[in-house]
Protein backbone atom coordinates (compact mmCIF):
# COMPACT_ATOMS: atom_id res chain seq x y z
CA MET A 1 -3.90 13.84 -13.28
CA ASP A 2 -1.18 14.55 -10.67
CA ASN A 3 -0.15 12.04 -8.71
CA GLU A 4 2.65 13.57 -6.62
CA LEU A 5 2.61 13.34 -2.92
CA ARG A 6 2.16 16.30 -1.05
CA GLY A 7 1.49 17.37 2.50
CA SER A 8 0.80 15.21 5.16
CA ASN A 9 1.22 12.14 2.84
CA LEU A 10 4.21 13.05 1.70
CA THR A 11 5.71 12.82 5.35
CA ARG A 12 4.00 9.52 5.98
CA ALA A 13 5.64 8.05 2.93
CA MET A 14 9.17 9.90 3.90
CA LEU A 15 8.87 8.05 7.39
CA ASN A 16 7.94 4.67 5.63
CA ARG A 17 10.93 4.58 3.40
CA GLY A 18 13.01 5.21 6.49
CA ASP A 19 13.86 8.74 7.27
CA ILE A 20 13.97 9.46 10.92
CA GLN A 21 12.98 12.97 11.46
CA VAL A 22 11.61 15.20 8.51
CA TRP A 23 10.96 18.66 9.88
CA CYS A 24 7.40 19.60 9.58
CA ALA A 25 4.69 22.51 10.00
CA ILE A 26 2.15 20.96 12.21
CA ASP A 27 -1.49 21.31 13.14
CA ASP A 28 -4.37 19.18 14.41
CA GLU A 29 -6.81 20.91 11.67
CA SER A 30 -5.41 20.40 8.10
CA ASP A 31 -2.65 20.79 6.02
CA GLU A 32 -3.19 24.15 4.96
CA ARG A 33 -3.84 25.46 8.25
CA ALA A 34 -0.04 24.10 9.16
CA MET A 35 1.53 25.84 6.48
CA THR A 36 -0.31 29.21 7.64
CA ASN A 37 0.84 28.78 11.28
CA ILE A 38 4.68 28.35 10.17
CA SER A 39 5.32 31.76 11.17
CA GLY A 40 6.87 31.29 14.63
CA ASN A 41 8.56 28.06 15.75
CA ASP A 42 5.59 27.04 17.93
CA PHE A 43 4.14 25.13 14.72
CA MET A 44 7.04 23.28 13.22
CA ALA A 45 8.72 19.94 14.85
CA TYR A 46 10.79 17.00 13.56
CA ILE A 47 8.14 14.14 13.17
CA VAL A 48 9.49 10.88 14.09
CA ALA A 49 6.70 8.44 13.83
CA PHE A 50 3.53 7.85 12.29
CA LYS A 51 1.14 5.48 14.34
CA ASP A 52 -2.53 4.76 15.10
CA GLY A 53 -3.56 8.12 13.01
CA PHE A 54 -1.51 10.62 14.52
CA PHE A 55 2.27 12.13 13.61
CA TYR A 56 4.78 11.97 16.69
CA CYS A 57 7.38 14.54 17.19
CA THR A 58 10.79 14.43 18.94
CA GLY A 59 8.88 15.56 22.02
CA GLY A 60 6.23 13.16 22.17
CA MET A 61 3.25 15.09 21.36
CA GLN A 62 0.87 13.79 18.65
CA TRP A 63 -0.31 15.94 15.37
CA LEU A 64 -3.03 15.20 12.99
CA HIS A 65 -1.26 17.15 10.00
CA ALA A 66 2.42 17.36 9.14
CA VAL A 67 3.93 18.93 6.14
CA PRO A 68 7.09 18.50 5.43
CA ILE A 69 9.07 22.08 5.03
CA LYS A 70 12.66 23.02 4.13
CA ILE A 71 13.93 25.91 5.95
CA VAL A 72 17.03 27.49 4.33
CA PRO A 73 18.67 30.88 5.48
CA ILE A 74 18.66 33.91 3.50
CA ALA A 75 20.95 36.84 2.20
CA GLN A 76 20.38 40.26 2.75
CA HIS A 77 19.81 40.97 -1.22
CA GLU A 78 17.05 38.79 -0.83
CA LEU A 79 15.02 40.89 1.23
CA VAL A 80 12.69 43.52 -0.15
CA TYR A 81 12.64 46.40 1.59
C-alpha cells in the first residue's frame, strides 16, 4: 500500500509543518481538476493557510483543493518542435 501524501493532503501537511507559502494548482471540484486547469495562471496561487475545511491563498480567497506544484524554467533544447 502506498502511504505517500499527495495532492491537497500534502499541502495540508506542508502547512502544518510550518511552510509559509505553498505554490499550488487550485480548484473547488477535485485535485485532478486542479491539475488539468494549470495551463494558465488563473488556477495557481500561493496557499498560506488551511482552516475550516478551506485552503486560503495570499489574496484571501478560499479553495477546496490545492495541489502543490513545482514550476521550473525550461531551456530551448527541451522543446519538441
